Amino acid sequence: MSPAQAIRIAEEKGLDLVEVASNANPPVCRIMDYGKYKFMEAKREHAARAKQKNIVVKEVKFRIRTDDHDFDFKVRHILRFLEEGDKVKVVVMFRGREVVHRDLGFKIFDEVLARVAEHCVVEKPAGIDGRDMHAIIAPKPVDPKAKKLKESKPAPEAQNA
């Protein structure tokens, strides 16, 4: 149908001629209420944005001389971040001539990963960037079936003795 004929039909019905697919050959147009079309598009975009999950990257910094208690404390933070579904950027900072001892930095990463291995997946392995060593770990993907089973289990009732 010619564009002039389509515009005439749209005006007779009190509607608009809206180009739906401009890349098609010939371009695809529809006769519809343009205001309603824009409203429905905005509503669809809003619903899509609401379903998105924002990915948050938390950062935990270690030093070569981080004490055992502080190390344990930071590892517990990493585990908490992973349980919340956030990614974690593990950083080993070097000062001065410590940067020569990269093997100590890799040992720290190995220790951290050994403690959190069952809760995470290594997204980016340890690598040097300037004076710091970085690695990114992400929580293990959750199986939707397993998640539903956990939610459907009833809470254990208190036993009367």
C-alpha atoms as a PDB file:
ATOM      1  CA  MET A   1       0.000   0.000   0.000  1.00  0.00           C
ATOM      2  CA  SER A   2       1.323   3.463  -0.750  1.00  0.00           C
ATOM      3  CA  PRO A   3       2.214   5.781   2.154  1.00  0.00           C
ATOM      4  CA  ALA A   4      -0.328   8.390   1.037  1.00  0.00           C
ATOM      5  CA  GLN A   5      -3.140   5.815   1.027  1.00  0.00           C
ATOM      6  CA  ALA A   6      -2.081   4.495   4.485  1.00  0.00           C
ATOM      7  CA  ILE A   7      -2.010   8.043   5.941  1.00  0.00           C
ATOM      8  CA  ARG A   8      -5.488   8.720   4.521  1.00  0.00           C
ATOM      9  CA  ILE A   9      -6.897   5.525   6.086  1.00  0.00           C
ATOM     10  CA  ALA A  10      -5.261   6.369   9.446  1.00  0.00           C
ATOM     11  CA  GLU A  11      -6.733   9.896   9.434  1.00  0.00           C
ATOM     12  CA  GLU A  12     -10.195   8.524   8.648  1.00  0.00           C
ATOM     13  CA  LYS A  13      -9.983   6.261  11.704  1.00  0.00           C
ATOM     14  CA  GLY A  14      -8.543   9.043  13.905  1.00  0.00           C
ATOM     15  CA  LEU A  15      -5.278   7.133  14.422  1.00  0.00           C
ATOM     16  CA  ASP A  16      -1.605   7.537  13.455  1.00  0.00           C
ATOM     17  CA  LEU A  17       0.612   5.772  10.923  1.00  0.00           C
ATOM     18  CA  VAL A  18       3.561   4.432  12.957  1.00  0.00           C
ATOM     19  CA  GLU A  19       6.724   2.980  11.420  1.00  0.00           C
ATOM     20  CA  VAL A  20       7.393  -0.244  13.340  1.00  0.00           C
ATOM     21  CA  ALA A  21      10.362  -1.774  11.490  1.00  0.00           C
ATOM     22  CA  SER A  22      12.421   0.760   9.572  1.00  0.00           C
ATOM     23  CA  ASN A  23      15.132  -1.758   8.642  1.00  0.00           C
ATOM     24  CA  ALA A  24      12.750  -4.022   6.752  1.00  0.00           C
ATOM     25  CA  ASN A  25      12.447  -3.740   2.975  1.00  0.00           C
ATOM     26  CA  PRO A  26       9.900  -2.186   2.457  1.00  0.00           C
ATOM     27  CA  PRO A  27       9.570  -0.513   5.903  1.00  0.00           C
ATOM     28  CA  VAL A  28       6.738  -1.909   8.041  1.00  0.00           C
ATOM     29  CA  CYS A  29       4.112   0.551   9.339  1.00  0.00           C
ATOM     30  CA  ARG A  30       0.997   0.136  11.462  1.00  0.00           C
ATOM     31  CA  ILE A  31      -2.113   2.175  11.954  1.00  0.00           C
ATOM     32  CA  MET A  32      -2.426   2.727  15.729  1.00  0.00           C
ATOM     33  CA  ASP A  33      -2.668   5.308  18.499  1.00  0.00           C
ATOM     34  CA  TYR A  34       0.903   6.628  18.800  1.00  0.00           C
ATOM     35  CA  GLY A  35       0.454   7.878  22.390  1.00  0.00           C
ATOM     36  CA  LYS A  36      -0.729   4.458  23.546  1.00  0.00           C
ATOM     37  CA  TYR A  37       2.172   2.813  21.654  1.00  0.00           C
ATOM     38  CA  LYS A  38       4.735   5.049  23.407  1.00  0.00           C
ATOM     39  CA  PHE A  39       3.113   4.362  26.796  1.00  0.00           C
ATOM     40  CA  MET A  40       3.220   0.584  26.287  1.00  0.00           C
ATOM     41  CA  GLU A  41       6.881   0.754  25.133  1.00  0.00           C
ATOM     42  CA  ALA A  42       7.839   2.739  28.252  1.00  0.00           C
ATOM     43  CA  LYS A  43       5.962   0.265  30.445  1.00  0.00           C
ATOM     44  CA  ARG A  44       7.755  -2.689  28.798  1.00  0.00           C
ATOM     45  CA  GLU A  45      11.169  -1.041  29.268  1.00  0.00           C
ATOM     46  CA  HIS A  46      10.414  -0.302  32.933  1.00  0.00           C
ATOM     47  CA  ALA A  47       9.444  -3.942  33.544  1.00  0.00           C
ATOM     48  CA  ALA A  48      12.660  -5.143  31.872  1.00  0.00           C
ATOM     49  CA  ARG A  49      14.752  -2.773  34.030  1.00  0.00           C
ATOM     50  CA  ALA A  50      13.005  -3.969  37.190  1.00  0.00           C
ATOM     51  CA  LYS A  51      13.971  -7.586  36.456  1.00  0.00           C
ATOM     52  CA  GLN A  52      17.668  -6.753  35.974  1.00  0.00           C
ATOM     53  CA  LYS A  53      20.079  -7.478  38.788  1.00  0.00           C
ATOM     54  CA  ASN A  54      22.774  -4.920  39.414  1.00  0.00           C
ATOM     55  CA  ILE A  55      26.156  -6.561  39.747  1.00  0.00           C
ATOM     56  CA  VAL A  56      28.124  -5.197  42.675  1.00  0.00           C
ATOM     57  CA  VAL A  57      31.862  -5.780  43.014  1.00  0.00           C
ATOM     58  CA  LYS A  58      33.139  -5.623  46.577  1.00  0.00           C
ATOM     59  CA  GLU A  59      36.849  -5.182  47.183  1.00  0.00           C
ATOM     60  CA  VAL A  60      38.870  -6.846  49.940  1.00  0.00           C
ATOM     61  CA  LYS A  61      42.507  -5.794  50.327  1.00  0.00           C
ATOM     62  CA  PHE A  62      45.312  -7.866  51.784  1.00  0.00           C
ATOM     63  CA  ARG A  63      48.950  -7.077  52.450  1.00  0.00           C
ATOM     64  CA  ILE A  64      51.868  -9.484  52.520  1.00  0.00           C
ATOM     65  CA  ARG A  65      52.102  -8.996  56.268  1.00  0.00           C
ATOM     66  CA  THR A  66      48.388  -9.391  57.027  1.00  0.00           C
ATOM     67  CA  ASP A  67      48.089 -11.120  60.413  1.00  0.00           C
ATOM     68  CA  ASP A  68      46.212 -14.431  60.844  1.00  0.00           C
ATOM     69  CA  HIS A  69      43.250 -12.932  62.702  1.00  0.00           C
ATOM     70  CA  ASP A  70      42.854 -10.126  60.175  1.00  0.00           C
ATOM     71  CA  PHE A  71      43.158 -12.672  57.377  1.00  0.00           C
ATOM     72  CA  ASP A  72      40.366 -14.797  58.888  1.00  0.00           C
ATOM     73  CA  PHE A  73      38.231 -11.696  59.397  1.00  0.00           C
ATOM     74  CA  LYS A  74      38.625 -10.665  55.744  1.00  0.00           C
ATOM     75  CA  VAL A  75      37.894 -14.173  54.510  1.00  0.00           C
ATOM     76  CA  ARG A  76      34.630 -14.131  56.515  1.00  0.00           C
ATOM     77  CA  HIS A  77      33.766 -10.839  54.779  1.00  0.00           C
ATOM     78  CA  ILE A  78      34.436 -12.440  51.396  1.00  0.00           C
ATOM     79  CA  LEU A  79      32.147 -15.355  52.281  1.00  0.00           C
ATOM     80  CA  ARG A  80      29.398 -12.956  53.372  1.00  0.00           C
ATOM     81  CA  PHE A  81      29.707 -10.961  50.128  1.00  0.00           C
ATOM     82  CA  LEU A  82      29.497 -14.154  48.071  1.00  0.00           C
ATOM     83  CA  GLU A  83      26.402 -15.316  49.977  1.00  0.00           C
ATOM     84  CA  GLU A  84      24.760 -11.968  49.221  1.00  0.00           C
ATOM     85  CA  GLY A  85      25.422 -12.616  45.517  1.00  0.00           C
ATOM     86  CA  ASP A  86      28.124  -9.976  45.012  1.00  0.00           C
ATOM     87  CA  LYS A  87      31.381 -10.432  43.151  1.00  0.00           C
ATOM     88  CA  VAL A  88      34.572  -9.901  45.136  1.00  0.00           C
ATOM     89  CA  LYS A  89      37.793  -8.315  43.930  1.00  0.00           C
ATOM     90  CA  VAL A  90      40.648  -9.685  46.029  1.00  0.00           C
ATOM     91  CA  VAL A  91      43.629  -7.331  46.064  1.00  0.00           C
ATOM     92  CA  VAL A  92      47.103  -7.907  47.469  1.00  0.00           C
ATOM     93  CA  MET A  93      48.870  -4.575  47.877  1.00  0.00           C
ATOM     94  CA  PHE A  94      52.640  -4.324  47.751  1.00  0.00           C
ATOM     95  CA  ARG A  95      54.651  -1.492  49.276  1.00  0.00           C
ATOM     96  CA  GLY A  96      58.170  -0.535  48.402  1.00  0.00           C
ATOM     97  CA  ARG A  97      60.384  -3.501  47.623  1.00  0.00           C
ATOM     98  CA  GLU A  98      57.658  -6.023  48.537  1.00  0.00           C
ATOM     99  CA  VAL A  99      56.699  -6.063  44.856  1.00  0.00           C
ATOM    100  CA  VAL A 100      59.788  -8.191  44.214  1.00  0.00           C
ATOM    101  CA  HIS A 101      58.191 -11.025  46.241  1.00  0.00           C
ATOM    102  CA  ARG A 102      55.275 -11.806  43.945  1.00  0.00           C
ATOM    103  CA  ASP A 103      55.338 -15.433  45.081  1.00  0.00           C
ATOM    104  CA  LEU A 104      54.104 -14.308  48.526  1.00  0.00           C
ATOM    105  CA  GLY A 105      51.169 -12.553  46.852  1.00  0.00           C
ATOM    106  CA  PHE A 106      50.262 -15.713  44.962  1.00  0.00           C
ATOM    107  CA  LYS A 107      50.447 -17.664  48.238  1.00  0.00           C
ATOM    108  CA  ILE A 108      47.900 -15.272  49.770  1.00  0.00           C
ATOM    109  CA  PHE A 109      45.572 -15.786  46.786  1.00  0.00           C
ATOM    110  CA  ASP A 110      45.968 -19.554  47.035  1.00  0.00           C
ATOM    111  CA  GLU A 111      45.096 -19.448  50.751  1.00  0.00           C
ATOM    112  CA  VAL A 112      42.031 -17.240  50.165  1.00  0.00           C
ATOM    113  CA  LEU A 113      40.785 -19.422  47.314  1.00  0.00           C
ATOM    114  CA  ALA A 114      41.359 -22.590  49.341  1.00  0.00           C
ATOM    115  CA  ARG A 115      39.087 -21.237  52.082  1.00  0.00           C
ATOM    116  CA  VAL A 116      36.269 -20.023  49.811  1.00  0.00           C
ATOM    117  CA  ALA A 117      36.543 -22.553  46.956  1.00  0.00           C
ATOM    118  CA  GLU A 118      33.188 -24.262  47.560  1.00  0.00           C
ATOM    119  CA  HIS A 119      31.333 -20.915  47.494  1.00  0.00           C
ATOM    120  CA  CYS A 120      32.876 -19.247  44.450  1.00  0.00           C
ATOM    121  CA  VAL A 121      34.101 -19.419  40.895  1.00  0.00           C
ATOM    122  CA  VAL A 122      37.298 -17.637  39.828  1.00  0.00           C
ATOM    123  CA  GLU A 123      36.252 -15.165  37.158  1.00  0.00           C
ATOM    124  CA  LYS A 124      39.664 -13.571  36.642  1.00  0.00           C
ATOM    125  CA  PRO A 125      42.780 -15.289  37.990  1.00  0.00           C
ATOM    126  CA  ALA A 126      45.440 -13.411  39.932  1.00  0.00           C
ATOM    127  CA  GLY A 127      47.495 -10.980  37.905  1.00  0.00           C
ATOM    128  CA  ILE A 128      49.781  -8.028  38.562  1.00  0.00           C
ATOM    129  CA  ASP A 129      48.613  -4.520  37.761  1.00  0.00           C
ATOM    130  CA  GLY A 130      51.152  -1.900  38.815  1.00  0.00           C
ATOM    131  CA  ARG A 131      51.945  -2.389  42.500  1.00  0.00           C
ATOM    132  CA  ASP A 132      48.831  -4.455  43.191  1.00  0.00           C
ATOM    133  CA  MET A 133      47.799  -8.025  42.422  1.00  0.00           C
ATOM    134  CA  HIS A 134      44.112  -8.566  41.579  1.00  0.00           C
ATOM    135  CA  ALA A 135      41.734 -11.485  41.200  1.00  0.00           C
ATOM    136  CA  ILE A 136      37.954 -11.446  40.797  1.00  0.00           C
ATOM    137  CA  ILE A 137      35.755 -14.178  42.216  1.00  0.00           C
ATOM    138  CA  ALA A 138      32.025 -14.580  41.743  1.00  0.00           C
ATOM    139  CA  PRO A 139      29.454 -16.641  43.640  1.00  0.00           C
ATOM    140  CA  LYS A 140      28.692 -20.066  42.226  1.00  0.00           C
ATOM    141  CA  PRO A 141      25.634 -20.023  39.990  1.00  0.00           C
ATOM    142  CA  VAL A 142      22.546 -21.171  41.867  1.00  0.00           C
ATOM    143  CA  ASP A 143      20.518 -24.002  40.333  1.00  0.00           C
ATOM    144  CA  PRO A 144      16.888 -22.750  40.173  1.00  0.00           C
ATOM    145  CA  LYS A 145      15.546 -26.236  40.995  1.00  0.00           C
ATOM    146  CA  ALA A 146      17.673 -26.494  44.144  1.00  0.00           C
ATOM    147  CA  LYS A 147      16.602 -23.002  45.208  1.00  0.00           C
ATOM    148  CA  LYS A 148      12.912 -23.929  44.875  1.00  0.00           C
ATOM    149  CA  LEU A 149      13.445 -27.086  46.920  1.00  0.00           C
ATOM    150  CA  LYS A 150      15.043 -25.088  49.745  1.00  0.00           C
ATOM    151  CA  GLU A 151      12.176 -22.590  49.763  1.00  0.00           C
ATOM    152  CA  SER A 152       9.488 -25.289  49.701  1.00  0.00           C
ATOM    153  CA  LYS A 153      10.830 -27.253  52.684  1.00  0.00           C
ATOM    154  CA  PRO A 154       8.733 -26.520  55.781  1.00  0.00           C
ATOM    155  CA  ALA A 155      10.494 -25.127  58.824  1.00  0.00           C
ATOM    156  CA  PRO A 156      11.248 -27.820  61.431  1.00  0.00           C
ATOM    157  CA  GLU A 157       8.693 -27.796  64.232  1.00  0.00           C
ATOM    158  CA  ALA A 158       9.833 -27.488  67.819  1.00  0.00           C
ATOM    159  CA  GLN A 159       9.620 -30.812  69.615  1.00  0.00           C
ATOM    160  CA  ASN A 160       7.713 -30.861  72.868  1.00  0.00           C
ATOM    161  CA  ALA A 161       9.472 -32.912  75.520  1.00  0.00           C
END
